[in-house]
């Protein structure tokens, strides 16, 4: 009786393993190589994107710095001083 139950258990185990498909260790080497190449290519593309983003951020920081320097220049200071009454351009009390 034990031999029949052990044999039945082994058959069930083999059936379940066959239904699950090949494991990672049983995949052909070419499939592993392709997956590694795709992973490597993806990381290379991500590195390129990261480098480009860093370059653009650096350029934007430079442009913002130049704009701030231009705004703080003496020729702009009279225009930026608020000496008169301020006008609310979003105030819609007098519709046209």
PDB file of N, CA and C in Angstrom:
ATOM      1  N   UNK A   1       0.814  -1.189   0.000  1.00  0.00           N
ATOM      2  CA  UNK A   1       0.000   0.000   0.000  1.00  0.00           C
ATOM      3  C   UNK A   1       0.860   1.255   0.000  1.00  0.00           C
ATOM      4  N   UNK A   2       1.949   1.219   0.782  1.00  0.00           N
ATOM      5  CA  UNK A   2       2.827   2.389   0.833  1.00  0.00           C
ATOM      6  C   UNK A   2       3.466   2.635  -0.526  1.00  0.00           C
ATOM      7  N   UNK A   3       3.838   1.566  -1.194  1.00  0.00           N
ATOM      8  CA  UNK A   3       4.510   1.702  -2.481  1.00  0.00           C
ATOM      9  C   UNK A   3       3.570   2.356  -3.503  1.00  0.00           C
ATOM     10  N   UNK A   4       2.299   1.999  -3.487  1.00  0.00           N
ATOM     11  CA  UNK A   4       1.322   2.567  -4.409  1.00  0.00           C
ATOM     12  C   UNK A   4       1.102   4.045  -4.115  1.00  0.00           C
ATOM     13  N   UNK A   5       1.017   4.417  -2.847  1.00  0.00           N
ATOM     14  CA  UNK A   5       0.793   5.822  -2.502  1.00  0.00           C
ATOM     15  C   UNK A   5       2.021   6.673  -2.824  1.00  0.00           C
ATOM     16  N   UNK A   6       3.208   6.125  -2.610  1.00  0.00           N
ATOM     17  CA  UNK A   6       4.432   6.866  -2.945  1.00  0.00           C
ATOM     18  C   UNK A   6       4.531   7.039  -4.450  1.00  0.00           C
ATOM     19  N   UNK A   7       4.219   5.980  -5.194  1.00  0.00           N
ATOM     20  CA  UNK A   7       4.252   6.058  -6.649  1.00  0.00           C
ATOM     21  C   UNK A   7       3.218   7.071  -7.153  1.00  0.00           C
ATOM     22  N   UNK A   8       2.027   7.064  -6.574  1.00  0.00           N
ATOM     23  CA  UNK A   8       0.992   8.027  -6.952  1.00  0.00           C
ATOM     24  C   UNK A   8       1.412   9.454  -6.633  1.00  0.00           C
ATOM     25  N   UNK A   9       2.051   9.638  -5.494  1.00  0.00           N
ATOM     26  CA  UNK A   9       2.537  10.962  -5.102  1.00  0.00           C
ATOM     27  C   UNK A   9       3.607  11.457  -6.065  1.00  0.00           C
ATOM     28  N   UNK A  10       4.519  10.573  -6.452  1.00  0.00           N
ATOM     29  CA  UNK A  10       5.562  10.949  -7.411  1.00  0.00           C
ATOM     30  C   UNK A  10       4.958  11.303  -8.767  1.00  0.00           C
ATOM     31  N   UNK A  11       3.965  10.543  -9.207  1.00  0.00           N
ATOM     32  CA  UNK A  11       3.308  10.850 -10.479  1.00  0.00           C
ATOM     33  C   UNK A  11       2.604  12.209 -10.428  1.00  0.00           C
ATOM     34  N   UNK A  12       1.945  12.505  -9.317  1.00  0.00           N
ATOM     35  CA  UNK A  12       1.302  13.816  -9.166  1.00  0.00           C
ATOM     36  C   UNK A  12       2.331  14.942  -9.181  1.00  0.00           C
ATOM     37  N   UNK A  13       3.447  14.721  -8.507  1.00  0.00           N
ATOM     38  CA  UNK A  13       4.507  15.725  -8.467  1.00  0.00           C
ATOM     39  C   UNK A  13       5.079  15.967  -9.854  1.00  0.00           C
ATOM     40  N   UNK A  14       5.339  14.900 -10.600  1.00  0.00           N
ATOM     41  CA  UNK A  14       5.869  15.040 -11.955  1.00  0.00           C
ATOM     42  C   UNK A  14       4.859  15.723 -12.876  1.00  0.00           C
ATOM     43  N   UNK A  15       3.576  15.401 -12.709  1.00  0.00           N
ATOM     44  CA  UNK A  15       2.548  16.024 -13.535  1.00  0.00           C
ATOM     45  C   UNK A  15       2.485  17.529 -13.271  1.00  0.00           C
ATOM     46  N   UNK A  16       2.532  17.923 -12.003  1.00  0.00           N
ATOM     47  CA  UNK A  16       2.488  19.344 -11.652  1.00  0.00           C
ATOM     48  C   UNK A  16       3.717  20.078 -12.160  1.00  0.00           C
ATOM     49  N   UNK A  17       4.873  19.444 -12.080  1.00  0.00           N
ATOM     50  CA  UNK A  17       6.102  20.076 -12.548  1.00  0.00           C
ATOM     51  C   UNK A  17       6.076  20.232 -14.062  1.00  0.00           C
ATOM     52  N   UNK A  18       5.549  19.254 -14.770  1.00  0.00           N
ATOM     53  CA  UNK A  18       5.450  19.339 -16.229  1.00  0.00           C
ATOM     54  C   UNK A  18       4.463  20.419 -16.635  1.00  0.00           C
ATOM     55  N   UNK A  19       3.395  20.585 -15.881  1.00  0.00           N
ATOM     56  CA  UNK A  19       2.399  21.606 -16.196  1.00  0.00           C
ATOM     57  C   UNK A  19       2.937  23.006 -15.942  1.00  0.00           C
ATOM     58  N   UNK A  20       3.859  23.142 -14.997  1.00  0.00           N
ATOM     59  CA  UNK A  20       4.410  24.458 -14.663  1.00  0.00           C
ATOM     60  C   UNK A  20       5.331  24.976 -15.753  1.00  0.00           C
ATOM     61  N   UNK A  21       5.872  24.113 -16.580  1.00  0.00           N
ATOM     62  CA  UNK A  21       6.761  24.540 -17.651  1.00  0.00           C
ATOM     63  C   UNK A  21       8.202  24.520 -17.197  1.00  0.00           C
ATOM     64  N   UNK A  22       9.100  24.897 -18.088  1.00  0.00           N
ATOM     65  CA  UNK A  22      10.526  24.848 -17.755  1.00  0.00           C
ATOM     66  C   UNK A  22      10.888  25.895 -16.715  1.00  0.00           C
ATOM     67  N   UNK A  23      11.764  25.544 -15.828  1.00  0.00           N
ATOM     68  CA  UNK A  23      12.246  26.477 -14.821  1.00  0.00           C
ATOM     69  C   UNK A  23      13.339  27.354 -15.385  1.00  0.00           C
ATOM     70  N   UNK A  24      13.796  28.290 -14.584  1.00  0.00           N
ATOM     71  CA  UNK A  24      14.840  29.206 -15.036  1.00  0.00           C
ATOM     72  C   UNK A  24      16.113  28.449 -15.376  1.00  0.00           C
ATOM     73  N   UNK A  25      16.436  27.444 -14.580  1.00  0.00           N
ATOM     74  CA  UNK A  25      17.666  26.695 -14.811  1.00  0.00           C
ATOM     75  C   UNK A  25      17.600  25.786 -16.013  1.00  0.00           C
ATOM     76  N   UNK A  26      16.397  25.478 -16.501  1.00  0.00           N
ATOM     77  CA  UNK A  26      16.270  24.569 -17.632  1.00  0.00           C
ATOM     78  C   UNK A  26      16.072  25.294 -18.950  1.00  0.00           C
ATOM     79  N   UNK A  27      16.045  26.613 -18.953  1.00  0.00           N
ATOM     80  CA  UNK A  27      15.912  27.361 -20.199  1.00  0.00           C
ATOM     81  C   UNK A  27      17.207  27.261 -20.991  1.00  0.00           C
ATOM     82  N   UNK A  28      17.114  27.269 -22.306  1.00  0.00           N
ATOM     83  CA  UNK A  28      18.329  27.199 -23.121  1.00  0.00           C
ATOM     84  C   UNK A  28      19.241  28.391 -22.873  1.00  0.00           C
ATOM     85  N   UNK A  29      20.518  28.181 -23.092  1.00  0.00           N
ATOM     86  CA  UNK A  29      21.517  29.221 -22.860  1.00  0.00           C
ATOM     87  C   UNK A  29      21.273  30.428 -23.760  1.00  0.00           C
ATOM     88  N   UNK A  30      20.792  30.194 -24.981  1.00  0.00           N
ATOM     89  CA  UNK A  30      20.535  31.301 -25.906  1.00  0.00           C
ATOM     90  C   UNK A  30      19.465  32.236 -25.357  1.00  0.00           C
ATOM     91  N   UNK A  31      18.470  31.678 -24.665  1.00  0.00           N
ATOM     92  CA  UNK A  31      17.417  32.519 -24.085  1.00  0.00           C
ATOM     93  C   UNK A  31      17.997  33.379 -22.976  1.00  0.00           C
ATOM     94  N   UNK A  32      18.861  32.797 -22.141  1.00  0.00           N
ATOM     95  CA  UNK A  32      19.508  33.581 -21.082  1.00  0.00           C
ATOM     96  C   UNK A  32      20.369  34.680 -21.692  1.00  0.00           C
ATOM     97  N   UNK A  33      21.111  34.365 -22.755  1.00  0.00           N
ATOM     98  CA  UNK A  33      21.967  35.355 -23.406  1.00  0.00           C
ATOM     99  C   UNK A  33      21.162  36.504 -23.972  1.00  0.00           C
ATOM    100  N   UNK A  34      20.043  36.194 -24.602  1.00  0.00           N
ATOM    101  CA  UNK A  34      19.194  37.232 -25.176  1.00  0.00           C
ATOM    102  C   UNK A  34      18.628  38.129 -24.080  1.00  0.00           C
ATOM    103  N   UNK A  35      18.199  37.521 -22.987  1.00  0.00           N
ATOM    104  CA  UNK A  35      17.660  38.312 -21.881  1.00  0.00           C
ATOM    105  C   UNK A  35      18.732  39.222 -21.301  1.00  0.00           C
ATOM    106  N   UNK A  36      19.949  38.712 -21.173  1.00  0.00           N
ATOM    107  CA  UNK A  36      21.045  39.534 -20.648  1.00  0.00           C
ATOM    108  C   UNK A  36      21.382  40.668 -21.607  1.00  0.00           C
ATOM    109  N   UNK A  37      21.355  40.380 -22.906  1.00  0.00           N
ATOM    110  CA  UNK A  37      21.647  41.424 -23.887  1.00  0.00           C
ATOM    111  C   UNK A  37      20.571  42.504 -23.863  1.00  0.00           C
ATOM    112  N   UNK A  38      19.311  42.091 -23.748  1.00  0.00           N
ATOM    113  CA  UNK A  38      18.226  43.071 -23.674  1.00  0.00           C
ATOM    114  C   UNK A  38      18.350  43.918 -22.415  1.00  0.00           C
ATOM    115  N   UNK A  39      18.700  43.291 -21.306  1.00  0.00           N
ATOM    116  CA  UNK A  39      18.877  44.014 -20.046  1.00  0.00           C
ATOM    117  C   UNK A  39      20.032  45.000 -20.166  1.00  0.00           C
ATOM    118  N   UNK A  40      21.120  44.563 -20.766  1.00  0.00           N
ATOM    119  CA  UNK A  40      22.284  45.436 -20.940  1.00  0.00           C
ATOM    120  C   UNK A  40      21.946  46.609 -21.858  1.00  0.00           C
ATOM    121  N   UNK A  41      21.216  46.326 -22.942  1.00  0.00           N
ATOM    122  CA  UNK A  41      20.828  47.394 -23.867  1.00  0.00           C
ATOM    123  C   UNK A  41      19.914  48.403 -23.181  1.00  0.00           C
ATOM    124  N   UNK A  42      18.991  47.908 -22.350  1.00  0.00           N
ATOM    125  CA  UNK A  42      18.089  48.803 -21.633  1.00  0.00           C
ATOM    126  C   UNK A  42      18.872  49.702 -20.673  1.00  0.00           C
ATOM    127  N   UNK A  43      19.835  49.132 -19.959  1.00  0.00           N
ATOM    128  CA  UNK A  43      20.641  49.938 -19.041  1.00  0.00           C
ATOM    129  C   UNK A  43      21.473  50.961 -19.809  1.00  0.00           C
ATOM    130  N   UNK A  44      21.962  50.594 -20.979  1.00  0.00           N
ATOM    131  CA  UNK A  44      22.728  51.541 -21.796  1.00  0.00           C
ATOM    132  C   UNK A  44      21.834  52.708 -22.223  1.00  0.00           C
ATOM    133  N   UNK A  45      20.607  52.397 -22.640  1.00  0.00           N
ATOM    134  CA  UNK A  45      19.676  53.466 -23.030  1.00  0.00           C
ATOM    135  C   UNK A  45      19.337  54.353 -21.840  1.00  0.00           C
ATOM    136  N   UNK A  46      19.117  53.744 -20.673  1.00  0.00           N
ATOM    137  CA  UNK A  46      18.819  54.535 -19.477  1.00  0.00           C
ATOM    138  C   UNK A  46      19.994  55.427 -19.094  1.00  0.00           C
ATOM    139  N   UNK A  47      21.213  54.918 -19.241  1.00  0.00           N
ATOM    140  CA  UNK A  47      22.391  55.738 -18.960  1.00  0.00           C
ATOM    141  C   UNK A  47      22.457  56.922 -19.915  1.00  0.00           C
ATOM    142  N   UNK A  48      22.122  56.691 -21.190  1.00  0.00           N
ATOM    143  CA  UNK A  48      22.126  57.778 -22.168  1.00  0.00           C
ATOM    144  C   UNK A  48      21.077  58.829 -21.820  1.00  0.00           C
ATOM    145  N   UNK A  49      19.894  58.373 -21.427  1.00  0.00           N
ATOM    146  CA  UNK A  49      18.826  59.308 -21.048  1.00  0.00           C
ATOM    147  C   UNK A  49      19.237  60.102 -19.814  1.00  0.00           C
ATOM    148  N   UNK A  50      19.827  59.419 -18.826  1.00  0.00           N
ATOM    149  CA  UNK A  50      20.260  60.102 -17.605  1.00  0.00           C
ATOM    150  C   UNK A  50      21.314  61.162 -17.919  1.00  0.00           C
ATOM    151  N   UNK A  51      22.246  60.837 -18.802  1.00  0.00           N
ATOM    152  CA  UNK A  51      23.294  61.797 -19.173  1.00  0.00           C
ATOM    153  C   UNK A  51      22.670  63.012 -19.861  1.00  0.00           C
ATOM    154  N   UNK A  52      21.710  62.765 -20.761  1.00  0.00           N
ATOM    155  CA  UNK A  52      21.065  63.863 -21.479  1.00  0.00           C
ATOM    156  C   UNK A  52      20.264  64.747 -20.518  1.00  0.00           C
ATOM    157  N   UNK A  53      19.561  64.134 -19.571  1.00  0.00           N
ATOM    158  CA  UNK A  53      18.789  64.901 -18.585  1.00  0.00           C
ATOM    159  C   UNK A  53      19.723  65.772 -17.754  1.00  0.00           C
ATOM    160  N   UNK A  54      20.858  65.217 -17.337  1.00  0.00           N
ATOM    161  CA  UNK A  54      21.817  66.001 -16.552  1.00  0.00           C
ATOM    162  C   UNK A  54      22.353  67.174 -17.358  1.00  0.00           C
ATOM    163  N   UNK A  55      22.601  66.970 -18.665  1.00  0.00           N
ATOM    164  CA  UNK A  55      23.077  68.065 -19.511  1.00  0.00           C
ATOM    165  C   UNK A  55      22.020  69.163 -19.627  1.00  0.00           C
ATOM    166  N   UNK A  56      20.767  68.775 -19.840  1.00  0.00           N
ATOM    167  CA  UNK A  56      19.687  69.757 -19.986  1.00  0.00           C
ATOM    168  C   UNK A  56      19.477  70.517 -18.684  1.00  0.00           C
ATOM    169  N   UNK A  57      19.524  69.820 -17.555  1.00  0.00           N
ATOM    170  CA  UNK A  57      19.367  70.486 -16.258  1.00  0.00           C
ATOM    171  C   UNK A  57      20.500  71.489 -16.051  1.00  0.00           C
ATOM    172  N   UNK A  58      21.714  71.126 -16.422  1.00  0.00           N
ATOM    173  CA  UNK A  58      22.843  72.051 -16.312  1.00  0.00           C
ATOM    174  C   UNK A  58      22.639  73.288 -17.173  1.00  0.00           C
ATOM    175  N   UNK A  59      22.143  73.093 -18.404  1.00  0.00           N
ATOM    176  CA  UNK A  59      21.879  74.229 -19.286  1.00  0.00           C
ATOM    177  C   UNK A  59      20.779  75.124 -18.716  1.00  0.00           C
ATOM    178  N   UNK A  60      19.739  74.516 -18.173  1.00  0.00           N
ATOM    179  CA  UNK A  60      18.652  75.307 -17.588  1.00  0.00           C
ATOM    180  C   UNK A  60      19.119  76.083 -16.363  1.00  0.00           C
ATOM    181  N   UNK A  61      19.954  75.472 -15.542  1.00  0.00           N
ATOM    182  CA  UNK A  61      20.501  76.189 -14.384  1.00  0.00           C
ATOM    183  C   UNK A  61      21.309  77.392 -14.832  1.00  0.00           C
ATOM    184  N   UNK A  62      22.083  77.238 -15.893  1.00  0.00           N
ATOM    185  CA  UNK A  62      22.874  78.350 -16.421  1.00  0.00           C
ATOM    186  C   UNK A  62      21.964  79.463 -16.929  1.00  0.00           C
ATOM    187  N   UNK A  63      20.920  79.099 -17.676  1.00  0.00           N
ATOM    188  CA  UNK A  63      20.001  80.109 -18.207  1.00  0.00           C
ATOM    189  C   UNK A  63      19.255  80.840 -17.091  1.00  0.00           C
ATOM    190  N   UNK A  64      18.824  80.116 -16.064  1.00  0.00           N
ATOM    191  CA  UNK A  64      18.140  80.753 -14.933  1.00  0.00           C
ATOM    192  C   UNK A  64      19.084  81.707 -14.220  1.00  0.00           C
ATOM    193  N   UNK A  65      20.328  81.304 -14.052  1.00  0.00           N
ATOM    194  CA  UNK A  65      21.317  82.170 -13.410  1.00  0.00           C
ATOM    195  C   UNK A  65      21.526  83.450 -14.218  1.00  0.00           C
ATOM    196  N   UNK A  66      21.603  83.316 -15.542  1.00  0.00           N
ATOM    197  CA  UNK A  66      21.778  84.492 -16.404  1.00  0.00           C
ATOM    198  C   UNK A  66      20.558  85.411 -16.298  1.00  0.00           C
ATOM    199  N   UNK A  67      19.360  84.825 -16.293  1.00  0.00           N
ATOM    200  CA  UNK A  67      18.147  85.643 -16.176  1.00  0.00           C
ATOM    201  C   UNK A  67      18.074  86.361 -14.836  1.00  0.00           C
ATOM    202  N   UNK A  68      18.429  85.672 -13.764  1.00  0.00           N
ATOM    203  CA  UNK A  68      18.419  86.318 -12.448  1.00  0.00           C
ATOM    204  C   UNK A  68      19.439  87.449 -12.381  1.00  0.00           C
ATOM    205  N   UNK A  69      20.604  87.235 -12.958  1.00  0.00           N
ATOM    206  CA  UNK A  69      21.608  88.305 -12.994  1.00  0.00           C
ATOM    207  C   UNK A  69      21.096  89.497 -13.794  1.00  0.00           C
ATOM    208  N   UNK A  70      20.398  89.236 -14.905  1.00  0.00           N
ATOM    209  CA  UNK A  70      19.873  90.325 -15.727  1.00  0.00           C
ATOM    210  C   UNK A  70      18.785  91.091 -14.988  1.00  0.00           C
ATOM    211  N   UNK A  71      17.938  90.388 -14.248  1.00  0.00           N
ATOM    212  CA  UNK A  71      16.867  91.055 -13.507  1.00  0.00           C
ATOM    213  C   UNK A  71      17.432  91.907 -12.381  1.00  0.00           C
ATOM    214  N   UNK A  72      18.483  91.443 -11.747  1.00  0.00           N
ATOM    215  CA  UNK A  72      19.081  92.181 -10.637  1.00  0.00           C
ATOM    216  C   UNK A  72      20.000  93.308 -11.102  1.00  0.00           C
ATOM    217  N   UNK A  73      20.179  93.458 -12.413  1.00  0.00           N
ATOM    218  CA  UNK A  73      21.049  94.507 -12.945  1.00  0.00           C
ATOM    219  C   UNK A  73      20.453  95.882 -12.633  1.00  0.00           C
ATOM    220  N   UNK A  74      21.308  96.909 -12.513  1.00  0.00           N
ATOM    221  CA  UNK A  74      20.836  98.256 -12.141  1.00  0.00           C
ATOM    222  C   UNK A  74      19.817  98.848 -13.114  1.00  0.00           C
ATOM    223  N   UNK A  75      19.901  98.528 -14.387  1.00  0.00           N
ATOM    224  CA  UNK A  75      18.960  99.137 -15.335  1.00  0.00           C
ATOM    225  C   UNK A  75      17.529  98.612 -15.162  1.00  0.00           C
ATOM    226  N   UNK A  76      17.354  97.488 -14.495  1.00  0.00           N
ATOM    227  CA  UNK A  76      16.021  96.946 -14.257  1.00  0.00           C
ATOM    228  C   UNK A  76      15.441  97.393 -12.914  1.00  0.00           C
ATOM    229  N   UNK A  77      16.246  97.807 -11.992  1.00  0.00           N
ATOM    230  CA  UNK A  77      15.753  98.115 -10.648  1.00  0.00           C
ATOM    231  C   UNK A  77      14.687  99.214 -10.628  1.00  0.00           C
ATOM    232  N   UNK A  78      14.767 100.291 -11.433  1.00  0.00           N
ATOM    233  CA  UNK A  78      13.671 101.272 -11.394  1.00  0.00           C
ATOM    234  C   UNK A  78      12.341 100.683 -11.869  1.00  0.00           C
ATOM    235  N   UNK A  79      12.395  99.765 -12.778  1.00  0.00           N
ATOM    236  CA  UNK A  79      11.160  99.166 -13.290  1.00  0.00           C
ATOM    237  C   UNK A  79      10.528  98.205 -12.287  1.00  0.00           C
ATOM    238  N   UNK A  80      11.348  97.629 -11.428  1.00  0.00           N
ATOM    239  CA  UNK A  80      10.849  96.646 -10.478  1.00  0.00           C
ATOM    240  C   UNK A  80      10.394  97.258  -9.162  1.00  0.00           C
ATOM    241  N   UNK A  81      10.733  98.506  -8.911  1.00  0.00           N
ATOM    242  CA  UNK A  81      10.328  99.143  -7.662  1.00  0.00           C
ATOM    243  C   UNK A  81       8.847  99.506  -7.729  1.00  0.00           C
ATOM    244  N   UNK A  82       8.140  99.230  -6.670  1.00  0.00           N
ATOM    245  CA  UNK A  82       6.700  99.512  -6.620  1.00  0.00           C
ATOM    246  C   UNK A  82       6.484 100.801  -5.831  1.00  0.00           C
ATOM    247  N   UNK A  83       6.502 101.943  -6.523  1.00  0.00           N
ATOM    248  CA  UNK A  83       6.326 103.228  -5.850  1.00  0.00           C
ATOM    249  C   UNK A  83       4.906 103.747  -5.979  1.00  0.00           C
ATOM    250  N   UNK A  84       4.202 103.334  -7.001  1.00  0.00           N
ATOM    251  CA  UNK A  84       2.840 103.822  -7.206  1.00  0.00           C
ATOM    252  C   UNK A  84       1.832 102.773  -6.775  1.00  0.00           C
ATOM    253  N   UNK A  85       0.581 103.070  -7.051  1.00  0.00           N
ATOM    254  CA  UNK A  85      -0.449 102.091  -6.693  1.00  0.00           C
ATOM    255  C   UNK A  85      -0.313 100.835  -7.562  1.00  0.00           C
ATOM    256  N   UNK A  86      -0.561  99.741  -6.934  1.00  0.00           N
ATOM    257  CA  UNK A  86      -0.490  98.491  -7.688  1.00  0.00           C
ATOM    258  C   UNK A  86      -1.830  98.231  -8.364  1.00  0.00           C
ATOM    259  N   UNK A  87      -1.775  97.661  -9.522  1.00  0.00           N
ATOM    260  CA  UNK A  87      -2.976  97.374 -10.299  1.00  0.00           C
ATOM    261  C   UNK A  87      -3.154  95.862 -10.340  1.00  0.00           C
ATOM    262  N   UNK A  88      -4.349  95.433  -9.960  1.00  0.00           N
ATOM    263  CA  UNK A  88      -4.652  94.006 -10.001  1.00  0.00           C
ATOM    264  C   UNK A  88      -5.190  93.685 -11.388  1.00  0.00           C
ATOM    265  N   UNK A  89      -4.409  93.019 -12.188  1.00  0.00           N
ATOM    266  CA  UNK A  89      -4.829  92.739 -13.563  1.00  0.00           C
ATOM    267  C   UNK A  89      -5.891  91.642 -13.616  1.00  0.00           C
ATOM    268  N   UNK A  90      -6.086  90.923 -12.529  1.00  0.00           N
ATOM    269  CA  UNK A  90      -7.090  89.866 -12.495  1.00  0.00           C
ATOM    270  C   UNK A  90      -8.408  90.326 -11.888  1.00  0.00           C
ATOM    271  N   UNK A  91      -8.466  91.583 -11.480  1.00  0.00           N
ATOM    272  CA  UNK A  91      -9.682  92.128 -10.882  1.00  0.00           C
ATOM    273  C   UNK A  91     -10.693  92.407 -11.991  1.00  0.00           C
ATOM    274  N   UNK A  92     -11.862  91.786 -11.912  1.00  0.00           N
ATOM    275  CA  UNK A  92     -12.888  91.930 -12.952  1.00  0.00           C
ATOM    276  C   UNK A  92     -14.083  92.748 -12.463  1.00  0.00           C
ATOM    277  N   UNK A  93     -13.849  93.799 -11.693  1.00  0.00           N
ATOM    278  CA  UNK A  93     -14.949  94.628 -11.196  1.00  0.00           C
ATOM    279  C   UNK A  93     -15.566  95.453 -12.317  1.00  0.00           C
ATOM    280  N   UNK A  94     -14.759  95.895 -13.267  1.00  0.00           N
ATOM    281  CA  UNK A  94     -15.245  96.702 -14.386  1.00  0.00           C
ATOM    282  C   UNK A  94     -15.189  95.857 -15.658  1.00  0.00           C
ATOM    283  N   UNK A  95     -16.256  95.124 -15.952  1.00  0.00           N
ATOM    284  CA  UNK A  95     -16.218  94.315 -17.176  1.00  0.00           C
ATOM    285  C   UNK A  95     -16.267  95.201 -18.404  1.00  0.00           C
ATOM    286  N   UNK A  96     -15.650  94.763 -19.423  1.00  0.00           N
ATOM    287  CA  UNK A  96     -15.586  95.547 -20.672  1.00  0.00           C
ATOM    288  C   UNK A  96     -16.854  95.367 -21.457  1.00  0.00           C
TER     289      UNK A  96
END
